[in-house]
C-alpha atoms as a PDB file:
ATOM      1  CA  LEU A   1       0.232   0.309  -0.231  1.00  0.00           C
ATOM      2  CA  ASP A   2       1.625   3.053  -1.010  1.00  0.00           C
ATOM      3  CA  PHE A   3       0.609   5.672   1.495  1.00  0.00           C
ATOM      4  CA  ASN A   4       1.936   8.651  -0.996  1.00  0.00           C
ATOM      5  CA  SER A   5      -0.892   8.012  -2.983  1.00  0.00           C
ATOM      6  CA  PHE A   6      -3.468   9.216  -0.394  1.00  0.00           C
ATOM      7  CA  VAL A   7      -4.287  12.789  -1.288  1.00  0.00           C
ATOM      8  CA  ASP A   8      -4.639  15.248   1.717  1.00  0.00           C
ATOM      9  CA  PHE A   9      -4.111  12.587   4.340  1.00  0.00           C
ATOM     10  CA  VAL A  10      -0.867  11.318   6.791  1.00  0.00           C
ATOM     11  CA  PRO A  11      -1.079   8.422   8.185  1.00  0.00           C
ATOM     12  CA  PHE A  12      -0.574   8.117  11.677  1.00  0.00           C
ATOM     13  CA  ARG A  13      -1.454   4.538  13.081  1.00  0.00           C
ATOM     14  CA  ILE A  14      -2.407   1.295  11.865  1.00  0.00           C
ATOM     15  CA  ASN A  15      -3.603  -1.851  13.447  1.00  0.00           C
ATOM     16  CA  ILE A  16      -4.256  -5.241  11.072  1.00  0.00           C
ATOM     17  CA  THR A  17      -6.104  -8.083  11.262  1.00  0.00           C
ATOM     18  CA  THR A  18      -6.190 -11.069   9.395  1.00  0.00           C
ATOM     19  CA  SER A  19      -9.431 -13.626   9.381  1.00  0.00           C
ATOM     20  CA  GLN A  20      -9.293 -17.669   9.342  1.00  0.00           C
ATOM     21  CA  ALA A  21     -11.343 -17.535   6.369  1.00  0.00           C
ATOM     22  CA  ALA A  22      -9.013 -16.108   4.065  1.00  0.00           C
ATOM     23  CA  PRO A  23      -5.386 -17.071   4.456  1.00  0.00           C
ATOM     24  CA  ASP A  24      -3.872 -14.608   2.085  1.00  0.00           C
ATOM     25  CA  PHE A  25      -6.303 -11.629   3.183  1.00  0.00           C
ATOM     26  CA  VAL A  26      -4.951  -8.851   5.298  1.00  0.00           C
ATOM     27  CA  TYR A  27      -7.650  -5.901   6.762  1.00  0.00           C
ATOM     28  CA  ALA A  28      -5.913  -2.226   7.851  1.00  0.00           C
ATOM     29  CA  TYR A  29      -7.637   0.337   9.776  1.00  0.00           C
ATOM     30  CA  ILE A  30      -5.429   3.333   8.942  1.00  0.00           C
ATOM     31  CA  TYR A  31      -6.199   6.769  11.485  1.00  0.00           C
ATOM     32  CA  GLY A  32      -4.652   9.897  10.388  1.00  0.00           C
ATOM     33  CA  TYR A  33      -4.934  13.154   9.588  1.00  0.00           C
ATOM     34  CA  THR A  34      -5.431  15.809   6.704  1.00  0.00           C
ATOM     35  CA  ASN A  35      -3.494  18.397   5.797  1.00  0.00           C
ATOM     36  CA  ASN A  36      -5.584  20.735   7.895  1.00  0.00           C
ATOM     37  CA  ASN A  37      -5.262  18.305  10.945  1.00  0.00           C
ATOM     38  CA  LYS A  38      -8.550  16.645  10.677  1.00  0.00           C
ATOM     39  CA  LYS A  39      -9.106  13.384  12.105  1.00  0.00           C
ATOM     40  CA  ARG A  40     -10.083  10.363   8.930  1.00  0.00           C
ATOM     41  CA  VAL A  41     -10.070   6.651   8.999  1.00  0.00           C
ATOM     42  CA  TYR A  42      -9.620   4.768   5.903  1.00  0.00           C
ATOM     43  CA  ILE A  43     -10.284   0.926   6.253  1.00  0.00           C
ATOM     44  CA  TYR A  44      -8.408  -1.338   3.385  1.00  0.00           C
ATOM     45  CA  TYR A  45      -7.878  -5.046   2.815  1.00  0.00           C
ATOM     46  CA  TYR A  46      -5.536  -6.711   1.045  1.00  0.00           C
ATOM     47  CA  ASN A  47      -6.292  -9.951  -0.977  1.00  0.00           C
ATOM     48  CA  GLY A  48      -3.491 -11.677  -2.175  1.00  0.00           C
ATOM     49  CA  ASN A  49      -2.734  -9.176  -4.770  1.00  0.00           C
ATOM     50  CA  GLN A  50      -3.466  -5.878  -4.384  1.00  0.00           C
ATOM     51  CA  TRP A  51      -4.479  -3.237  -1.565  1.00  0.00           C
ATOM     52  CA  ASN A  52      -8.379  -2.367  -2.109  1.00  0.00           C
ATOM     53  CA  GLN A  53     -10.264   0.486  -0.177  1.00  0.00           C
ATOM     54  CA  ILE A  54     -13.510  -0.321   1.581  1.00  0.00           C
ATOM     55  CA  HIS A  55     -14.481   2.243   3.430  1.00  0.00           C
ATOM     56  CA  VAL A  56     -13.413   5.878   4.647  1.00  0.00           C
ATOM     57  CA  TYR A  57     -14.437   8.042   7.058  1.00  0.00           C
ATOM     58  CA  SER A  58     -14.120  12.009   7.841  1.00  0.00           C
ATOM     59  CA  PRO A  59     -15.988  12.831  11.051  1.00  0.00           C
ATOM     60  CA  THR A  60     -17.882  15.842  11.721  1.00  0.00           C
ATOM     61  CA  SER A  61     -16.703  15.863  15.153  1.00  0.00           C
ATOM     62  CA  ASP A  62     -13.093  14.959  16.143  1.00  0.00           C
ATOM     63  CA  LEU A  63     -14.270  13.642  19.231  1.00  0.00           C
ATOM     64  CA  SER A  64     -15.521  10.144  18.096  1.00  0.00           C
ATOM     65  CA  LEU A  65     -12.476   9.340  17.005  1.00  0.00           C
ATOM     66  CA  SER A  66      -8.842   8.377  18.808  1.00  0.00           C
ATOM     67  CA  LYS A  67      -5.271   7.252  17.981  1.00  0.00           C
ATOM     68  CA  SER A  68      -6.670   4.897  20.533  1.00  0.00           C
ATOM     69  CA  TRP A  69      -9.186   3.633  19.651  1.00  0.00           C
ATOM     70  CA  ILE A  70      -8.776   1.617  16.367  1.00  0.00           C
ATOM     71  CA  ALA A  71     -10.094  -1.709  16.804  1.00  0.00           C
ATOM     72  CA  ILE A  72     -11.066  -3.828  13.736  1.00  0.00           C
ATOM     73  CA  ALA A  73     -12.198  -7.432  13.402  1.00  0.00           C
ATOM     74  CA  ALA A  74     -12.457  -9.866   9.809  1.00  0.00           C
ATOM     75  CA  SER A  75     -15.232 -12.355  10.792  1.00  0.00           C
ATOM     76  CA  ASN A  76     -13.522 -15.920  10.925  1.00  0.00           C
ATOM     77  CA  THR A  77     -15.760 -17.378   9.153  1.00  0.00           C
ATOM     78  CA  ASN A  78     -16.555 -14.893   6.152  1.00  0.00           C
ATOM     79  CA  PRO A  79     -13.389 -12.998   5.203  1.00  0.00           C
ATOM     80  CA  TYR A  80     -16.233 -10.498   3.677  1.00  0.00           C
ATOM     81  CA  SER A  81     -17.610  -9.496   6.759  1.00  0.00           C
ATOM     82  CA  ILE A  82     -15.679  -6.675   8.292  1.00  0.00           C
ATOM     83  CA  PHE A  83     -16.239  -5.007  11.637  1.00  0.00           C
ATOM     84  CA  PHE A  84     -14.172  -1.680  12.660  1.00  0.00           C
ATOM     85  CA  TYR A  85     -14.820   1.421  15.346  1.00  0.00           C
ATOM     86  CA  THR A  86     -15.318   5.051  14.819  1.00  0.00           C
ATOM     87  CA  GLY A  87     -16.533   6.531  17.593  1.00  0.00           C
ATOM     88  CA  ALA A  88     -19.698   3.444  17.296  1.00  0.00           C
ATOM     89  CA  VAL A  89     -18.963   0.072  15.919  1.00  0.00           C
ATOM     90  CA  TYR A  90     -19.763   0.077  11.935  1.00  0.00           C
ATOM     91  CA  GLY A  91     -19.198  -3.079   9.383  1.00  0.00           C
ATOM     92  CA  THR A  92     -20.927  -5.308   7.017  1.00  0.00           C
ATOM     93  CA  SER A  93     -21.889  -9.240   6.146  1.00  0.00           C
ATOM     94  CA  ASN A  94     -20.067  -7.989   3.072  1.00  0.00           C
ATOM     95  CA  PHE A  95     -18.255  -5.180   2.186  1.00  0.00           C
ATOM     96  CA  LEU A  96     -18.344  -6.210  -1.659  1.00  0.00           C
ATOM     97  CA  THR A  97     -22.280  -6.433  -1.861  1.00  0.00           C
ATOM     98  CA  SER A  98     -23.958  -4.682   1.508  1.00  0.00           C
ATOM     99  CA  PRO A  99     -22.936  -0.848   2.564  1.00  0.00           C
ATOM    100  CA  ILE A 100     -21.236  -0.731   6.093  1.00  0.00           C
ATOM    101  CA  ILE A 101     -24.138   0.363   8.548  1.00  0.00           C
ATOM    102  CA  LYS A 102     -23.721   1.064  12.240  1.00  0.00           C
ATOM    103  CA  TYR A 103     -24.116  -1.618  14.582  1.00  0.00           C
ATOM    104  CA  GLY A 104     -24.206   0.118  18.141  1.00  0.00           C
ATOM    105  CA  ASN A 105     -24.560   3.946  19.249  1.00  0.00           C
ATOM    106  CA  TYR A 106     -21.550   5.168  21.403  1.00  0.00           C
ATOM    107  CA  ILE A 107     -23.429   4.615  24.333  1.00  0.00           C
ATOM    108  CA  GLY A 108     -26.147   2.801  24.902  1.00  0.00           C
ATOM    109  CA  ASP A 109     -28.171  -0.957  26.213  1.00  0.00           C
ATOM    110  CA  GLY A 110     -24.857  -3.286  26.297  1.00  0.00           C
ATOM    111  CA  ILE A 111     -22.426  -0.928  25.038  1.00  0.00           C
ATOM    112  CA  TYR A 112     -19.863   1.354  26.045  1.00  0.00           C
ATOM    113  CA  ALA A 113     -18.004   4.092  24.376  1.00  0.00           C
ATOM    114  CA  ASP A 114     -14.774   3.992  23.861  1.00  0.00           C
ATOM    115  CA  ASN A 115     -13.676   0.891  22.026  1.00  0.00           C
ATOM    116  CA  HIS A 116      -9.674  -0.601  22.062  1.00  0.00           C
ATOM    117  CA  VAL A 117     -10.829  -3.829  20.916  1.00  0.00           C
ATOM    118  CA  LEU A 118     -13.010  -6.684  18.397  1.00  0.00           C
ATOM    119  CA  GLU A 119     -12.586  -9.870  18.559  1.00  0.00           C
ATOM    120  CA  PHE A 120     -14.633 -12.482  17.094  1.00  0.00           C
ATOM    121  CA  GLN A 121     -15.968 -15.793  19.103  1.00  0.00           C
ATOM    122  CA  PRO A 122     -13.198 -18.860  17.430  1.00  0.00           C
ATOM    123  CA  ASN A 123     -14.339 -22.251  17.015  1.00  0.00           C
ATOM    124  CA  THR A 124     -17.556 -21.965  15.437  1.00  0.00           C
ATOM    125  CA  GLN A 125     -18.638 -22.797  12.023  1.00  0.00           C
ATOM    126  CA  SER A 126     -21.205 -19.868  11.251  1.00  0.00           C
ATOM    127  CA  ASN A 127     -22.463 -15.780  12.805  1.00  0.00           C
ATOM    128  CA  PRO A 128     -19.787 -15.832  15.479  1.00  0.00           C
ATOM    129  CA  LYS A 129     -20.604 -13.329  18.007  1.00  0.00           C
ATOM    130  CA  LEU A 130     -18.154  -9.888  18.031  1.00  0.00           C
ATOM    131  CA  PHE A 131     -16.634  -9.260  21.254  1.00  0.00           C
ATOM    132  CA  MET A 132     -15.880  -5.618  22.439  1.00  0.00           C
ATOM    133  CA  GLY A 133     -13.341  -4.139  24.666  1.00  0.00           C
ATOM    134  CA  HIS A 134     -14.597  -0.350  25.844  1.00  0.00           C
ATOM    135  CA  HIS A 135     -14.188   1.538  28.786  1.00  0.00           C
ATOM    136  CA  GLY A 136     -17.334   0.030  30.647  1.00  0.00           C
ATOM    137  CA  GLY A 137     -15.807  -3.042  30.136  1.00  0.00           C
ATOM    138  CA  ILE A 138     -16.684  -6.333  27.771  1.00  0.00           C
ATOM    139  CA  SER A 139     -19.901  -6.339  25.346  1.00  0.00           C
ATOM    140  CA  VAL A 140     -20.755  -9.581  23.119  1.00  0.00           C
ATOM    141  CA  GLY A 141     -23.049  -9.087  20.012  1.00  0.00           C
ATOM    142  CA  ASN A 142     -24.762 -10.850  17.798  1.00  0.00           C
ATOM    143  CA  MET A 143     -23.694  -9.469  13.942  1.00  0.00           C
ATOM    144  CA  ILE A 144     -26.837 -11.232  12.276  1.00  0.00           C
ATOM    145  CA  SER A 145     -28.619  -7.731  13.303  1.00  0.00           C
ATOM    146  CA  PRO A 146     -27.475  -4.153  14.673  1.00  0.00           C
ATOM    147  CA  ASN A 147     -28.016  -2.734  18.109  1.00  0.00           C
ATOM    148  CA  ASN A 148     -27.884  -6.308  19.630  1.00  0.00           C
ATOM    149  CA  TRP A 149     -25.529  -6.171  22.580  1.00  0.00           C
ATOM    150  CA  GLU A 150     -25.142  -7.344  25.948  1.00  0.00           C
ATOM    151  CA  PHE A 151     -22.504  -6.213  28.733  1.00  0.00           C
ATOM    152  CA  ARG A 152     -20.460  -9.506  30.021  1.00  0.00           C
ATOM    153  CA  ASN A 153     -18.938  -7.540  33.519  1.00  0.00           C
ATOM    154  CA  THR A 154     -20.186 -10.029  36.057  1.00  0.00           C
ATOM    155  CA  GLY A 155     -17.469 -10.057  38.136  1.00  0.00           C
ATOM    156  CA  LEU A 156     -14.894  -7.863  36.415  1.00  0.00           C
ATOM    157  CA  GLN A 157     -13.571  -5.310  38.479  1.00  0.00           C
ATOM    158  CA  ASN A 158     -12.774  -2.646  35.776  1.00  0.00           C
ATOM    159  CA  MET A 159     -12.568   0.632  36.596  1.00  0.00           C
ATOM    160  CA  LEU A 160      -9.836   2.977  35.578  1.00  0.00           C
ATOM    161  CA  HIS A 161      -9.529   5.293  39.125  1.00  0.00           C
ATOM    162  CA  TRP A 162      -8.389   8.744  38.485  1.00  0.00           C
ATOM    163  CA  SER A 163      -8.453   9.837  42.546  1.00  0.00           C
ATOM    164  CA  PHE A 164      -9.620   8.130  46.096  1.00  0.00           C
ATOM    165  CA  ASP A 165      -9.931   9.983  49.450  1.00  0.00           C
ATOM    166  CA  ASP A 166     -10.947   8.712  52.672  1.00  0.00           C
ATOM    167  CA  SER A 167     -12.916  10.454  55.343  1.00  0.00           C
ATOM    168  CA  GLU A 168     -11.052  12.634  58.087  1.00  0.00           C
ATOM    169  CA  PHE A 169     -14.079  11.675  60.180  1.00  0.00           C
ATOM    170  CA  GLU A 170     -15.062   8.111  59.883  1.00  0.00           C
ATOM    171  CA  LYS A 171     -12.757   5.656  59.246  1.00  0.00           C
ATOM    172  CA  ASP A 172     -15.178   3.428  57.206  1.00  0.00           C
ATOM    173  CA  ILE A 173     -15.892   6.033  54.754  1.00  0.00           C
ATOM    174  CA  ILE A 174     -14.010   5.750  50.945  1.00  0.00           C
ATOM    175  CA  ILE A 175     -14.770   8.062  47.108  1.00  0.00           C
ATOM    176  CA  THR A 176     -13.629   7.228  44.005  1.00  0.00           C
ATOM    177  CA  ALA A 177     -13.296   9.253  41.410  1.00  0.00           C
ATOM    178  CA  ASN A 178     -13.335   7.212  37.846  1.00  0.00           C
ATOM    179  CA  GLN A 179     -12.840   6.981  34.444  1.00  0.00           C
ATOM    180  CA  ASP A 180     -16.252   6.768  32.482  1.00  0.00           C
ATOM    181  CA  CYS A 181     -17.422   4.769  35.604  1.00  0.00           C
ATOM    182  CA  PHE A 182     -19.059   7.809  38.179  1.00  0.00           C
ATOM    183  CA  ASN A 183     -17.850   8.412  41.450  1.00  0.00           C
ATOM    184  CA  TYR A 184     -18.585   5.757  43.828  1.00  0.00           C
ATOM    185  CA  ILE A 185     -18.834   5.985  47.800  1.00  0.00           C
ATOM    186  CA  PHE A 186     -17.946   3.256  50.396  1.00  0.00           C
ATOM    187  CA  ASP A 187     -20.004   2.902  53.402  1.00  0.00           C
ATOM    188  CA  ASN A 188     -20.360  -0.891  54.004  1.00  0.00           C
ATOM    189  CA  GLU A 189     -21.230  -1.193  50.395  1.00  0.00           C
ATOM    190  CA  TRP A 190     -20.039   0.683  47.050  1.00  0.00           C
ATOM    191  CA  ILE A 191     -22.770   3.211  46.043  1.00  0.00           C
ATOM    192  CA  ALA A 192     -22.689   5.819  42.857  1.00  0.00           C
ATOM    193  CA  ILE A 193     -23.310   9.081  44.124  1.00  0.00           C
ATOM    194  CA  TYR A 194     -22.510  10.790  40.415  1.00  0.00           C
ATOM    195  CA  GLY A 195     -23.290   9.462  37.087  1.00  0.00           C
ATOM    196  CA  GLY A 196     -22.010  10.691  34.123  1.00  0.00           C
ATOM    197  CA  GLY A 197     -18.991  10.059  32.599  1.00  0.00           C
ATOM    198  CA  ASP A 198     -15.572  10.823  33.904  1.00  0.00           C
ATOM    199  CA  SER A 199     -15.142  12.213  37.539  1.00  0.00           C
ATOM    200  CA  TYR A 200     -12.664  13.470  39.797  1.00  0.00           C
END
């Protein structure tokens, strides 16, 4: 893939994946910037002979893209079924014949924001589920239809703590501020006392 052929685009970071269904295929999530410093994403695949563009995404808001959220996955049963994250999960059952559509919201039922990894369920012959690792934990989706996600966080302790304090007056009271997971106070049990995004 000749990056000099891109118009008004400088690659910054690339994530690649493969598919068991097509050992010669390589899929690339290419994150970079335009000449006026706007974020852009290209999705390409190599079919064993040449690189081909699947999708290009130029957001109206830069908040939907990050160099840390460049998740991409190709189905292990269908090499033309691909999914990636650009502020939400997008994908298609066949990028040669079907459009790229949105498979989940930024935050919604069974799904959370800031996706770092996508991985298909292994060792299945048809309709593998798609697992997502994000700032709220883990979700799993059935890619037969959009917006079909469930959390898989039971028993998983996964909050990033930005700050922590204990009470000067009540030795058993603790408060934490967490990435994406609200403020919590411990007073015999953990209770969310303020919700919505990051906390301090």
